[in-house]
Amino acid sequence: MCVLSVEIIKGIFTLVPVALGAWIGLRLYFRQKEYELIKQRYLEGAVDIVAAEVEQAFGTFSHNWARCLNIVKAFRDAQNDFDAKELEKGFLDLDSFCLEMRLGLVGQGFAAVWR
């Protein structure tokens, strides 16, 4: 009976470090995987959103620039008969170009990301 107890204790002392090492390894693996997912979702995905915002602002700028050139041409052609109401028509408003803050639930806590 004493020999059996010693063998069981040796087995437990062997399996506990193996189980602990496996648990630590899996925990580190899933933590790294979550980090990579967050990085891909928020850092790499945000570049596309900012590029779309810049493209929209450039389109608005181009439209308003063309409208300004048309107004200057109309003023040049009809200097005395120029209607001041033309200055208020045809311009596009620039949407708020501010980056909005969005909170996303990530893992066990909240992470603030730029959208």
PDB file of N, CA and C in Angstrom:
ATOM      1  N   MET A   1       0.814  -1.183   0.000  1.00  0.00           N
ATOM      2  CA  MET A   1       0.000   0.000   0.000  1.00  0.00           C
ATOM      3  C   MET A   1       0.864   1.255   0.000  1.00  0.00           C
ATOM      4  N   CYS A   2       1.961   1.216   0.683  1.00  0.00           N
ATOM      5  CA  CYS A   2       2.870   2.358   0.771  1.00  0.00           C
ATOM      6  C   CYS A   2       3.501   2.647  -0.595  1.00  0.00           C
ATOM      7  N   VAL A   3       3.842   1.623  -1.345  1.00  0.00           N
ATOM      8  CA  VAL A   3       4.449   1.792  -2.667  1.00  0.00           C
ATOM      9  C   VAL A   3       3.437   2.406  -3.620  1.00  0.00           C
ATOM     10  N   LEU A   4       2.190   1.998  -3.523  1.00  0.00           N
ATOM     11  CA  LEU A   4       1.130   2.537  -4.366  1.00  0.00           C
ATOM     12  C   LEU A   4       0.914   4.030  -4.080  1.00  0.00           C
ATOM     13  N   SER A   5       0.930   4.416  -2.836  1.00  0.00           N
ATOM     14  CA  SER A   5       0.768   5.827  -2.455  1.00  0.00           C
ATOM     15  C   SER A   5       1.916   6.670  -2.987  1.00  0.00           C
ATOM     16  N   VAL A   6       3.120   6.146  -2.917  1.00  0.00           N
ATOM     17  CA  VAL A   6       4.283   6.881  -3.419  1.00  0.00           C
ATOM     18  C   VAL A   6       4.168   7.073  -4.930  1.00  0.00           C
ATOM     19  N   GLU A   7       3.720   6.063  -5.644  1.00  0.00           N
ATOM     20  CA  GLU A   7       3.578   6.169  -7.106  1.00  0.00           C
ATOM     21  C   GLU A   7       2.480   7.165  -7.475  1.00  0.00           C
ATOM     22  N   ILE A   8       1.415   7.185  -6.735  1.00  0.00           N
ATOM     23  CA  ILE A   8       0.330   8.142  -7.004  1.00  0.00           C
ATOM     24  C   ILE A   8       0.820   9.572  -6.759  1.00  0.00           C
ATOM     25  N   ILE A   9       1.552   9.776  -5.694  1.00  0.00           N
ATOM     26  CA  ILE A   9       2.088  11.107  -5.394  1.00  0.00           C
ATOM     27  C   ILE A   9       3.090  11.538  -6.462  1.00  0.00           C
ATOM     28  N   LYS A  10       3.925  10.614  -6.945  1.00  0.00           N
ATOM     29  CA  LYS A  10       4.857  10.947  -8.035  1.00  0.00           C
ATOM     30  C   LYS A  10       4.084  11.321  -9.296  1.00  0.00           C
ATOM     31  N   GLY A  11       3.017  10.584  -9.563  1.00  0.00           N
ATOM     32  CA  GLY A  11       2.192  10.890 -10.742  1.00  0.00           C
ATOM     33  C   GLY A  11       1.537  12.258 -10.640  1.00  0.00           C
ATOM     34  N   ILE A  12       1.035  12.588  -9.444  1.00  0.00           N
ATOM     35  CA  ILE A  12       0.410  13.903  -9.241  1.00  0.00           C
ATOM     36  C   ILE A  12       1.446  15.010  -9.410  1.00  0.00           C
ATOM     37  N   PHE A  13       2.646  14.826  -8.829  1.00  0.00           N
ATOM     38  CA  PHE A  13       3.690  15.843  -8.962  1.00  0.00           C
ATOM     39  C   PHE A  13       4.179  15.972 -10.410  1.00  0.00           C
ATOM     40  N   THR A  14       3.959  14.955 -11.211  1.00  0.00           N
ATOM     41  CA  THR A  14       4.336  15.034 -12.616  1.00  0.00           C
ATOM     42  C   THR A  14       3.231  15.712 -13.432  1.00  0.00           C
ATOM     43  N   LEU A  15       1.988  15.386 -13.160  1.00  0.00           N
ATOM     44  CA  LEU A  15       0.874  15.900 -13.957  1.00  0.00           C
ATOM     45  C   LEU A  15       0.519  17.350 -13.637  1.00  0.00           C
ATOM     46  N   VAL A  16       0.702  17.787 -12.405  1.00  0.00           N
ATOM     47  CA  VAL A  16       0.362  19.161 -12.030  1.00  0.00           C
ATOM     48  C   VAL A  16       1.211  20.178 -12.814  1.00  0.00           C
ATOM     49  N   PRO A  17       2.527  20.042 -12.895  1.00  0.00           N
ATOM     50  CA  PRO A  17       3.286  21.015 -13.706  1.00  0.00           C
ATOM     51  C   PRO A  17       2.926  20.955 -15.191  1.00  0.00           C
ATOM     52  N   VAL A  18       2.644  19.746 -15.693  1.00  0.00           N
ATOM     53  CA  VAL A  18       2.254  19.629 -17.102  1.00  0.00           C
ATOM     54  C   VAL A  18       0.931  20.350 -17.340  1.00  0.00           C
ATOM     55  N   ALA A  19      -0.049  20.142 -16.459  1.00  0.00           N
ATOM     56  CA  ALA A  19      -1.342  20.801 -16.600  1.00  0.00           C
ATOM     57  C   ALA A  19      -1.202  22.314 -16.444  1.00  0.00           C
ATOM     58  N   LEU A  20      -0.386  22.749 -15.496  1.00  0.00           N
ATOM     59  CA  LEU A  20      -0.161  24.178 -15.286  1.00  0.00           C
ATOM     60  C   LEU A  20       0.517  24.811 -16.499  1.00  0.00           C
ATOM     61  N   GLY A  21       1.494  24.139 -17.061  1.00  0.00           N
ATOM     62  CA  GLY A  21       2.174  24.645 -18.263  1.00  0.00           C
ATOM     63  C   GLY A  21       1.230  24.727 -19.452  1.00  0.00           C
ATOM     64  N   ALA A  22       0.375  23.721 -19.619  1.00  0.00           N
ATOM     65  CA  ALA A  22      -0.596  23.741 -20.723  1.00  0.00           C
ATOM     66  C   ALA A  22      -1.595  24.875 -20.533  1.00  0.00           C
ATOM     67  N   TRP A  23      -2.034  25.085 -19.283  1.00  0.00           N
ATOM     68  CA  TRP A  23      -3.001  26.149 -19.012  1.00  0.00           C
ATOM     69  C   TRP A  23      -2.385  27.522 -19.304  1.00  0.00           C
ATOM     70  N   ILE A  24      -1.148  27.737 -18.883  1.00  0.00           N
ATOM     71  CA  ILE A  24      -0.468  29.010 -19.139  1.00  0.00           C
ATOM     72  C   ILE A  24      -0.256  29.208 -20.642  1.00  0.00           C
ATOM     73  N   GLY A  25       0.135  28.164 -21.329  1.00  0.00           N
ATOM     74  CA  GLY A  25       0.338  28.260 -22.772  1.00  0.00           C
ATOM     75  C   GLY A  25      -0.942  28.614 -23.516  1.00  0.00           C
ATOM     76  N   LEU A  26      -2.053  27.976 -23.175  1.00  0.00           N
ATOM     77  CA  LEU A  26      -3.325  28.282 -23.827  1.00  0.00           C
ATOM     78  C   LEU A  26      -3.782  29.699 -23.508  1.00  0.00           C
ATOM     79  N   ARG A  27      -3.576  30.122 -22.289  1.00  0.00           N
ATOM     80  CA  ARG A  27      -3.975  31.485 -21.897  1.00  0.00           C
ATOM     81  C   ARG A  27      -3.183  32.527 -22.690  1.00  0.00           C
ATOM     82  N   LEU A  28      -1.888  32.330 -22.828  1.00  0.00           N
ATOM     83  CA  LEU A  28      -1.071  33.265 -23.602  1.00  0.00           C
ATOM     84  C   LEU A  28      -1.445  33.242 -25.086  1.00  0.00           C
ATOM     85  N   TYR A  29      -1.744  32.059 -25.606  1.00  0.00           N
ATOM     86  CA  TYR A  29      -2.135  31.941 -27.013  1.00  0.00           C
ATOM     87  C   TYR A  29      -3.416  32.729 -27.284  1.00  0.00           C
ATOM     88  N   PHE A  30      -4.434  32.557 -26.446  1.00  0.00           N
ATOM     89  CA  PHE A  30      -5.702  33.238 -26.689  1.00  0.00           C
ATOM     90  C   PHE A  30      -5.594  34.746 -26.420  1.00  0.00           C
ATOM     91  N   ARG A  31      -4.736  35.153 -25.516  1.00  0.00           N
ATOM     92  CA  ARG A  31      -4.521  36.581 -25.291  1.00  0.00           C
ATOM     93  C   ARG A  31      -3.877  37.216 -26.526  1.00  0.00           C
ATOM     94  N   GLN A  32      -2.889  36.549 -27.109  1.00  0.00           N
ATOM     95  CA  GLN A  32      -2.244  37.059 -28.324  1.00  0.00           C
ATOM     96  C   GLN A  32      -3.227  37.082 -29.489  1.00  0.00           C
ATOM     97  N   LYS A  33      -4.051  36.070 -29.592  1.00  0.00           N
ATOM     98  CA  LYS A  33      -5.048  36.001 -30.662  1.00  0.00           C
ATOM     99  C   LYS A  33      -6.046  37.153 -30.533  1.00  0.00           C
ATOM    100  N   GLU A  34      -6.481  37.459 -29.316  1.00  0.00           N
ATOM    101  CA  GLU A  34      -7.403  38.570 -29.094  1.00  0.00           C
ATOM    102  C   GLU A  34      -6.733  39.900 -29.435  1.00  0.00           C
ATOM    103  N   TYR A  35      -5.461  40.059 -29.083  1.00  0.00           N
ATOM    104  CA  TYR A  35      -4.729  41.278 -29.416  1.00  0.00           C
ATOM    105  C   TYR A  35      -4.665  41.482 -30.930  1.00  0.00           C
ATOM    106  N   GLU A  36      -4.375  40.424 -31.669  1.00  0.00           N
ATOM    107  CA  GLU A  36      -4.289  40.526 -33.125  1.00  0.00           C
ATOM    108  C   GLU A  36      -5.643  40.855 -33.739  1.00  0.00           C
ATOM    109  N   LEU A  37      -6.709  40.310 -33.187  1.00  0.00           N
ATOM    110  CA  LEU A  37      -8.049  40.595 -33.692  1.00  0.00           C
ATOM    111  C   LEU A  37      -8.410  42.052 -33.452  1.00  0.00           C
ATOM    112  N   ILE A  38      -8.101  42.557 -32.270  1.00  0.00           N
ATOM    113  CA  ILE A  38      -8.385  43.959 -31.958  1.00  0.00           C
ATOM    114  C   ILE A  38      -7.573  44.872 -32.863  1.00  0.00           C
ATOM    115  N   LYS A  39      -6.312  44.553 -33.070  1.00  0.00           N
ATOM    116  CA  LYS A  39      -5.452  45.364 -33.926  1.00  0.00           C
ATOM    117  C   LYS A  39      -5.990  45.401 -35.353  1.00  0.00           C
ATOM    118  N   GLN A  40      -6.390  44.264 -35.857  1.00  0.00           N
ATOM    119  CA  GLN A  40      -6.920  44.205 -37.219  1.00  0.00           C
ATOM    120  C   GLN A  40      -8.233  44.963 -37.328  1.00  0.00           C
ATOM    121  N   ARG A  41      -9.108  44.795 -36.367  1.00  0.00           N
ATOM    122  CA  ARG A  41     -10.435  45.398 -36.440  1.00  0.00           C
ATOM    123  C   ARG A  41     -10.383  46.910 -36.337  1.00  0.00           C
ATOM    124  N   TYR A  42      -9.599  47.428 -35.400  1.00  0.00           N
ATOM    125  CA  TYR A  42      -9.655  48.849 -35.119  1.00  0.00           C
ATOM    126  C   TYR A  42      -8.566  49.669 -35.783  1.00  0.00           C
ATOM    127  N   LEU A  43      -7.378  49.164 -35.851  1.00  0.00           N
ATOM    128  CA  LEU A  43      -6.304  49.966 -36.427  1.00  0.00           C
ATOM    129  C   LEU A  43      -6.284  49.881 -37.946  1.00  0.00           C
ATOM    130  N   GLU A  44      -6.362  48.680 -38.486  1.00  0.00           N
ATOM    131  CA  GLU A  44      -6.305  48.531 -39.936  1.00  0.00           C
ATOM    132  C   GLU A  44      -7.633  48.893 -40.586  1.00  0.00           C
ATOM    133  N   GLY A  45      -8.750  48.597 -39.922  1.00  0.00           N
ATOM    134  CA  GLY A  45     -10.063  48.931 -40.474  1.00  0.00           C
ATOM    135  C   GLY A  45     -10.348  50.421 -40.446  1.00  0.00           C
ATOM    136  N   ALA A  46      -9.759  51.137 -39.497  1.00  0.00           N
ATOM    137  CA  ALA A  46     -10.009  52.571 -39.372  1.00  0.00           C
ATOM    138  C   ALA A  46      -9.388  53.360 -40.519  1.00  0.00           C
ATOM    139  N   VAL A  47      -8.344  52.849 -41.116  1.00  0.00           N
ATOM    140  CA  VAL A  47      -7.699  53.550 -42.228  1.00  0.00           C
ATOM    141  C   VAL A  47      -8.675  53.680 -43.398  1.00  0.00           C
ATOM    142  N   ASP A  48      -9.451  52.658 -43.673  1.00  0.00           N
ATOM    143  CA  ASP A  48     -10.428  52.717 -44.753  1.00  0.00           C
ATOM    144  C   ASP A  48     -11.502  53.762 -44.473  1.00  0.00           C
ATOM    145  N   ILE A  49     -11.924  53.873 -43.230  1.00  0.00           N
ATOM    146  CA  ILE A  49     -12.958  54.837 -42.876  1.00  0.00           C
ATOM    147  C   ILE A  49     -12.439  56.263 -43.020  1.00  0.00           C
ATOM    148  N   VAL A  50     -11.229  56.508 -42.576  1.00  0.00           N
ATOM    149  CA  VAL A  50     -10.637  57.843 -42.696  1.00  0.00           C
ATOM    150  C   VAL A  50     -10.424  58.190 -44.168  1.00  0.00           C
ATOM    151  N   ALA A  51     -10.011  57.219 -44.972  1.00  0.00           N
ATOM    152  CA  ALA A  51      -9.823  57.472 -46.405  1.00  0.00           C
ATOM    153  C   ALA A  51     -11.151  57.838 -47.075  1.00  0.00           C
ATOM    154  N   ALA A  52     -12.232  57.188 -46.684  1.00  0.00           N
ATOM    155  CA  ALA A  52     -13.548  57.516 -47.241  1.00  0.00           C
ATOM    156  C   ALA A  52     -13.975  58.923 -46.829  1.00  0.00           C
ATOM    157  N   GLU A  53     -13.694  59.311 -45.592  1.00  0.00           N
ATOM    158  CA  GLU A  53     -14.020  60.667 -45.125  1.00  0.00           C
ATOM    159  C   GLU A  53     -13.227  61.713 -45.913  1.00  0.00           C
ATOM    160  N   VAL A  54     -11.951  61.457 -46.135  1.00  0.00           N
ATOM    161  CA  VAL A  54     -11.119  62.395 -46.886  1.00  0.00           C
ATOM    162  C   VAL A  54     -11.603  62.493 -48.333  1.00  0.00           C
ATOM    163  N   GLU A  55     -11.976  61.373 -48.926  1.00  0.00           N
ATOM    164  CA  GLU A  55     -12.478  61.383 -50.298  1.00  0.00           C
ATOM    165  C   GLU A  55     -13.769  62.180 -50.408  1.00  0.00           C
ATOM    166  N   GLN A  56     -14.653  62.039 -49.426  1.00  0.00           N
ATOM    167  CA  GLN A  56     -15.900  62.799 -49.425  1.00  0.00           C
ATOM    168  C   GLN A  56     -15.618  64.300 -49.291  1.00  0.00           C
ATOM    169  N   ALA A  57     -14.697  64.668 -48.414  1.00  0.00           N
ATOM    170  CA  ALA A  57     -14.346  66.079 -48.240  1.00  0.00           C
ATOM    171  C   ALA A  57     -13.725  66.642 -49.513  1.00  0.00           C
ATOM    172  N   PHE A  58     -12.892  65.851 -50.176  1.00  0.00           N
ATOM    173  CA  PHE A  58     -12.282  66.313 -51.431  1.00  0.00           C
ATOM    174  C   PHE A  58     -13.333  66.494 -52.519  1.00  0.00           C
ATOM    175  N   GLY A  59     -14.310  65.600 -52.577  1.00  0.00           N
ATOM    176  CA  GLY A  59     -15.396  65.742 -53.547  1.00  0.00           C
ATOM    177  C   GLY A  59     -16.208  66.997 -53.310  1.00  0.00           C
ATOM    178  N   THR A  60     -16.494  67.305 -52.043  1.00  0.00           N
ATOM    179  CA  THR A  60     -17.219  68.529 -51.707  1.00  0.00           C
ATOM    180  C   THR A  60     -16.393  69.756 -52.078  1.00  0.00           C
ATOM    181  N   PHE A  61     -15.112  69.713 -51.784  1.00  0.00           N
ATOM    182  CA  PHE A  61     -14.220  70.828 -52.137  1.00  0.00           C
ATOM    183  C   PHE A  61     -14.198  71.036 -53.651  1.00  0.00           C
ATOM    184  N   SER A  62     -14.086  69.960 -54.415  1.00  0.00           N
ATOM    185  CA  SER A  62     -14.040  70.080 -55.877  1.00  0.00           C
ATOM    186  C   SER A  62     -15.339  70.676 -56.426  1.00  0.00           C
ATOM    187  N   HIS A  63     -16.471  70.232 -55.896  1.00  0.00           N
ATOM    188  CA  HIS A  63     -17.764  70.756 -56.350  1.00  0.00           C
ATOM    189  C   HIS A  63     -17.868  72.246 -56.036  1.00  0.00           C
ATOM    190  N   ASN A  64     -17.505  72.622 -54.803  1.00  0.00           N
ATOM    191  CA  ASN A  64     -17.607  74.033 -54.416  1.00  0.00           C
ATOM    192  C   ASN A  64     -16.608  74.903 -55.189  1.00  0.00           C
ATOM    193  N   TRP A  65     -15.451  74.364 -55.515  1.00  0.00           N
ATOM    194  CA  TRP A  65     -14.473  75.104 -56.315  1.00  0.00           C
ATOM    195  C   TRP A  65     -15.017  75.367 -57.720  1.00  0.00           C
ATOM    196  N   ALA A  66     -15.622  74.343 -58.309  1.00  0.00           N
ATOM    197  CA  ALA A  66     -16.218  74.525 -59.640  1.00  0.00           C
ATOM    198  C   ALA A  66     -17.352  75.543 -59.587  1.00  0.00           C
ATOM    199  N   ARG A  67     -18.123  75.515 -58.527  1.00  0.00           N
ATOM    200  CA  ARG A  67     -19.218  76.489 -58.373  1.00  0.00           C
ATOM    201  C   ARG A  67     -18.649  77.905 -58.239  1.00  0.00           C
ATOM    202  N   CYS A  68     -17.562  78.052 -57.500  1.00  0.00           N
ATOM    203  CA  CYS A  68     -16.926  79.371 -57.369  1.00  0.00           C
ATOM    204  C   CYS A  68     -16.438  79.889 -58.718  1.00  0.00           C
ATOM    205  N   LEU A  69     -15.847  79.017 -59.516  1.00  0.00           N
ATOM    206  CA  LEU A  69     -15.381  79.433 -60.842  1.00  0.00           C
ATOM    207  C   LEU A  69     -16.539  79.874 -61.729  1.00  0.00           C
ATOM    208  N   ASN A  70     -17.679  79.172 -61.637  1.00  0.00           N
ATOM    209  CA  ASN A  70     -18.860  79.572 -62.410  1.00  0.00           C
ATOM    210  C   ASN A  70     -19.376  80.935 -61.960  1.00  0.00           C
ATOM    211  N   ILE A  71     -19.339  81.205 -60.673  1.00  0.00           N
ATOM    212  CA  ILE A  71     -19.800  82.501 -60.168  1.00  0.00           C
ATOM    213  C   ILE A  71     -18.863  83.618 -60.618  1.00  0.00           C
ATOM    214  N   VAL A  72     -17.560  83.356 -60.555  1.00  0.00           N
ATOM    215  CA  VAL A  72     -16.594  84.372 -61.009  1.00  0.00           C
ATOM    216  C   VAL A  72     -16.775  84.644 -62.499  1.00  0.00           C
ATOM    217  N   LYS A  73     -17.010  83.609 -63.292  1.00  0.00           N
ATOM    218  CA  LYS A  73     -17.231  83.792 -64.730  1.00  0.00           C
ATOM    219  C   LYS A  73     -18.513  84.586 -64.987  1.00  0.00           C
ATOM    220  N   ALA A  74     -19.572  84.287 -64.219  1.00  0.00           N
ATOM    221  CA  ALA A  74     -20.828  85.030 -64.378  1.00  0.00           C
ATOM    222  C   ALA A  74     -20.647  86.489 -63.973  1.00  0.00           C
ATOM    223  N   PHE A  75     -19.883  86.748 -62.924  1.00  0.00           N
ATOM    224  CA  PHE A  75     -19.616  88.125 -62.500  1.00  0.00           C
ATOM    225  C   PHE A  75     -18.803  88.872 -63.547  1.00  0.00           C
ATOM    226  N   ARG A  76     -17.836  88.184 -64.154  1.00  0.00           N
ATOM    227  CA  ARG A  76     -17.013  88.805 -65.187  1.00  0.00           C
ATOM    228  C   ARG A  76     -17.852  89.179 -66.410  1.00  0.00           C
ATOM    229  N   ASP A  77     -18.759  88.265 -66.795  1.00  0.00           N
ATOM    230  CA  ASP A  77     -19.553  88.503 -67.994  1.00  0.00           C
ATOM    231  C   ASP A  77     -20.633  89.564 -67.779  1.00  0.00           C
ATOM    232  N   ALA A  78     -21.216  89.623 -66.595  1.00  0.00           N
ATOM    233  CA  ALA A  78     -22.300  90.583 -66.326  1.00  0.00           C
ATOM    234  C   ALA A  78     -21.954  91.353 -65.059  1.00  0.00           C
ATOM    235  N   GLN A  79     -21.042  92.292 -65.176  1.00  0.00           N
ATOM    236  CA  GLN A  79     -20.550  92.989 -63.991  1.00  0.00           C
ATOM    237  C   GLN A  79     -21.632  93.849 -63.329  1.00  0.00           C
ATOM    238  N   ASN A  80     -22.383  94.572 -64.096  1.00  0.00           N
ATOM    239  CA  ASN A  80     -23.384  95.476 -63.523  1.00  0.00           C
ATOM    240  C   ASN A  80     -24.679  94.756 -63.180  1.00  0.00           C
ATOM    241  N   ASP A  81     -24.983  93.667 -63.876  1.00  0.00           N
ATOM    242  CA  ASP A  81     -26.260  92.968 -63.679  1.00  0.00           C
ATOM    243  C   ASP A  81     -26.094  91.694 -62.844  1.00  0.00           C
ATOM    244  N   PHE A  82     -25.069  91.605 -62.086  1.00  0.00           N
ATOM    245  CA  PHE A  82     -24.824  90.376 -61.303  1.00  0.00           C
ATOM    246  C   PHE A  82     -25.804  90.275 -60.139  1.00  0.00           C
ATOM    247  N   ASP A  83     -26.425  89.116 -60.018  1.00  0.00           N
ATOM    248  CA  ASP A  83     -27.401  88.876 -58.946  1.00  0.00           C
ATOM    249  C   ASP A  83     -26.668  88.299 -57.731  1.00  0.00           C
ATOM    250  N   ALA A  84     -26.775  88.979 -56.593  1.00  0.00           N
ATOM    251  CA  ALA A  84     -26.082  88.538 -55.378  1.00  0.00           C
ATOM    252  C   ALA A  84     -26.667  87.249 -54.813  1.00  0.00           C
ATOM    253  N   LYS A  85     -27.869  86.903 -55.214  1.00  0.00           N
ATOM    254  CA  LYS A  85     -28.488  85.654 -54.742  1.00  0.00           C
ATOM    255  C   LYS A  85     -27.750  84.421 -55.276  1.00  0.00           C
ATOM    256  N   GLU A  86     -26.998  84.593 -56.350  1.00  0.00           N
ATOM    257  CA  GLU A  86     -26.214  83.480 -56.913  1.00  0.00           C
ATOM    258  C   GLU A  86     -25.138  82.985 -55.944  1.00  0.00           C
ATOM    259  N   LEU A  87     -24.721  83.850 -55.015  1.00  0.00           N
ATOM    260  CA  LEU A  87     -23.681  83.468 -54.062  1.00  0.00           C
ATOM    261  C   LEU A  87     -24.184  82.468 -53.025  1.00  0.00           C
ATOM    262  N   GLU A  88     -25.497  82.356 -52.880  1.00  0.00           N
ATOM    263  CA  GLU A  88     -26.063  81.468 -51.863  1.00  0.00           C
ATOM    264  C   GLU A  88     -26.524  80.124 -52.422  1.00  0.00           C
ATOM    265  N   LYS A  89     -26.560  79.985 -53.724  1.00  0.00           N
ATOM    266  CA  LYS A  89     -27.109  78.772 -54.329  1.00  0.00           C
ATOM    267  C   LYS A  89     -25.998  77.830 -54.804  1.00  0.00           C
ATOM    268  N   GLY A  90     -26.258  76.537 -54.724  1.00  0.00           N
ATOM    269  CA  GLY A  90     -25.431  75.536 -55.369  1.00  0.00           C
ATOM    270  C   GLY A  90     -24.225  75.024 -54.611  1.00  0.00           C
ATOM    271  N   PHE A  91     -23.968  75.527 -53.427  1.00  0.00           N
ATOM    272  CA  PHE A  91     -22.818  75.050 -52.658  1.00  0.00           C
ATOM    273  C   PHE A  91     -23.214  73.872 -51.785  1.00  0.00           C
ATOM    274  N   LEU A  92     -22.306  72.930 -51.647  1.00  0.00           N
ATOM    275  CA  LEU A  92     -22.517  71.786 -50.755  1.00  0.00           C
ATOM    276  C   LEU A  92     -21.899  72.089 -49.403  1.00  0.00           C
ATOM    277  N   ASP A  93     -22.600  71.698 -48.350  1.00  0.00           N
ATOM    278  CA  ASP A  93     -22.041  71.844 -47.003  1.00  0.00           C
ATOM    279  C   ASP A  93     -21.100  70.687 -46.728  1.00  0.00           C
ATOM    280  N   LEU A  94     -20.010  71.004 -46.081  1.00  0.00           N
ATOM    281  CA  LEU A  94     -19.054  69.969 -45.686  1.00  0.00           C
ATOM    282  C   LEU A  94     -19.557  69.323 -44.407  1.00  0.00           C
ATOM    283  N   ASP A  95     -19.758  68.017 -44.459  1.00  0.00           N
ATOM    284  CA  ASP A  95     -20.182  67.296 -43.260  1.00  0.00           C
ATOM    285  C   ASP A  95     -19.086  67.390 -42.217  1.00  0.00           C
ATOM    286  N   SER A  96     -19.494  67.184 -40.981  1.00  0.00           N
ATOM    287  CA  SER A  96     -18.495  67.258 -39.917  1.00  0.00           C
ATOM    288  C   SER A  96     -17.412  66.221 -40.186  1.00  0.00           C
ATOM    289  N   PHE A  97     -16.218  66.689 -40.358  1.00  0.00           N
ATOM    290  CA  PHE A  97     -15.108  65.818 -40.704  1.00  0.00           C
ATOM    291  C   PHE A  97     -14.456  65.247 -39.437  1.00  0.00           C
ATOM    292  N   CYS A  98     -15.100  65.468 -38.306  1.00  0.00           N
ATOM    293  CA  CYS A  98     -14.537  64.979 -37.053  1.00  0.00           C
ATOM    294  C   CYS A  98     -14.607  63.462 -37.014  1.00  0.00           C
ATOM    295  N   LEU A  99     -13.601  62.891 -36.461  1.00  0.00           N
ATOM    296  CA  LEU A  99     -13.623  61.456 -36.244  1.00  0.00           C
ATOM    297  C   LEU A  99     -14.441  61.193 -34.991  1.00  0.00           C
ATOM    298  N   GLU A 100     -15.403  60.293 -35.113  1.00  0.00           N
ATOM    299  CA  GLU A 100     -16.270  60.016 -33.978  1.00  0.00           C
ATOM    300  C   GLU A 100     -15.675  58.915 -33.127  1.00  0.00           C
ATOM    301  N   MET A 101     -15.978  59.001 -31.860  1.00  0.00           N
ATOM    302  CA  MET A 101     -15.494  57.991 -30.918  1.00  0.00           C
ATOM    303  C   MET A 101     -16.568  56.925 -30.790  1.00  0.00           C
ATOM    304  N   ARG A 102     -16.167  55.706 -30.989  1.00  0.00           N
ATOM    305  CA  ARG A 102     -17.093  54.590 -30.829  1.00  0.00           C
ATOM    306  C   ARG A 102     -16.507  53.635 -29.790  1.00  0.00           C
ATOM    307  N   LEU A 103     -17.355  53.166 -28.929  1.00  0.00           N
ATOM    308  CA  LEU A 103     -16.913  52.203 -27.930  1.00  0.00           C
ATOM    309  C   LEU A 103     -17.348  50.818 -28.382  1.00  0.00           C
ATOM    310  N   GLY A 104     -16.417  49.913 -28.379  1.00  0.00           N
ATOM    311  CA  GLY A 104     -16.736  48.548 -28.748  1.00  0.00           C
ATOM    312  C   GLY A 104     -16.419  47.619 -27.596  1.00  0.00           C
ATOM    313  N   LEU A 105     -17.293  46.720 -27.380  1.00  0.00           N
ATOM    314  CA  LEU A 105     -17.062  45.760 -26.308  1.00  0.00           C
ATOM    315  C   LEU A 105     -16.042  44.745 -26.796  1.00  0.00           C
ATOM    316  N   VAL A 106     -14.905  44.706 -26.135  1.00  0.00           N
ATOM    317  CA  VAL A 106     -13.823  43.827 -26.545  1.00  0.00           C
ATOM    318  C   VAL A 106     -13.421  42.979 -25.350  1.00  0.00           C
ATOM    319  N   GLY A 107     -13.583  41.699 -25.491  1.00  0.00           N
ATOM    320  CA  GLY A 107     -13.179  40.811 -24.415  1.00  0.00           C
ATOM    321  C   GLY A 107     -13.921  41.111 -23.139  1.00  0.00           C
ATOM    322  N   GLN A 108     -13.190  41.506 -22.111  1.00  0.00           N
ATOM    323  CA  GLN A 108     -13.805  41.754 -20.813  1.00  0.00           C
ATOM    324  C   GLN A 108     -14.008  43.236 -20.527  1.00  0.00           C
ATOM    325  N   GLY A 109     -13.545  44.115 -21.386  1.00  0.00           N
ATOM    326  CA  GLY A 109     -13.664  45.538 -21.105  1.00  0.00           C
ATOM    327  C   GLY A 109     -14.012  46.317 -22.363  1.00  0.00           C
ATOM    328  N   PHE A 110     -14.002  47.628 -22.248  1.00  0.00           N
ATOM    329  CA  PHE A 110     -14.295  48.495 -23.377  1.00  0.00           C
ATOM    330  C   PHE A 110     -12.993  49.047 -23.938  1.00  0.00           C
ATOM    331  N   ALA A 111     -12.933  49.164 -25.250  1.00  0.00           N
ATOM    332  CA  ALA A 111     -11.768  49.765 -25.896  1.00  0.00           C
ATOM    333  C   ALA A 111     -12.268  50.901 -26.775  1.00  0.00           C
ATOM    334  N   ALA A 112     -11.689  52.062 -26.640  1.00  0.00           N
ATOM    335  CA  ALA A 112     -12.082  53.214 -27.434  1.00  0.00           C
ATOM    336  C   ALA A 112     -11.318  53.184 -28.748  1.00  0.00           C
ATOM    337  N   VAL A 113     -12.026  53.369 -29.840  1.00  0.00           N
ATOM    338  CA  VAL A 113     -11.389  53.337 -31.149  1.00  0.00           C
ATOM    339  C   VAL A 113     -11.881  54.524 -31.952  1.00  0.00           C
ATOM    340  N   TRP A 114     -11.062  54.946 -32.861  1.00  0.00           N
ATOM    341  CA  TRP A 114     -11.467  56.028 -33.763  1.00  0.00           C
ATOM    342  C   TRP A 114     -12.182  55.430 -34.933  1.00  0.00           C
ATOM    343  N   ARG A 115     -13.327  56.009 -35.255  1.00  0.00           N
ATOM    344  CA  ARG A 115     -14.062  55.542 -36.419  1.00  0.00           C
ATOM    345  C   ARG A 115     -14.099  56.644 -37.432  1.00  0.00           C
TER     346      ARG A 115
END
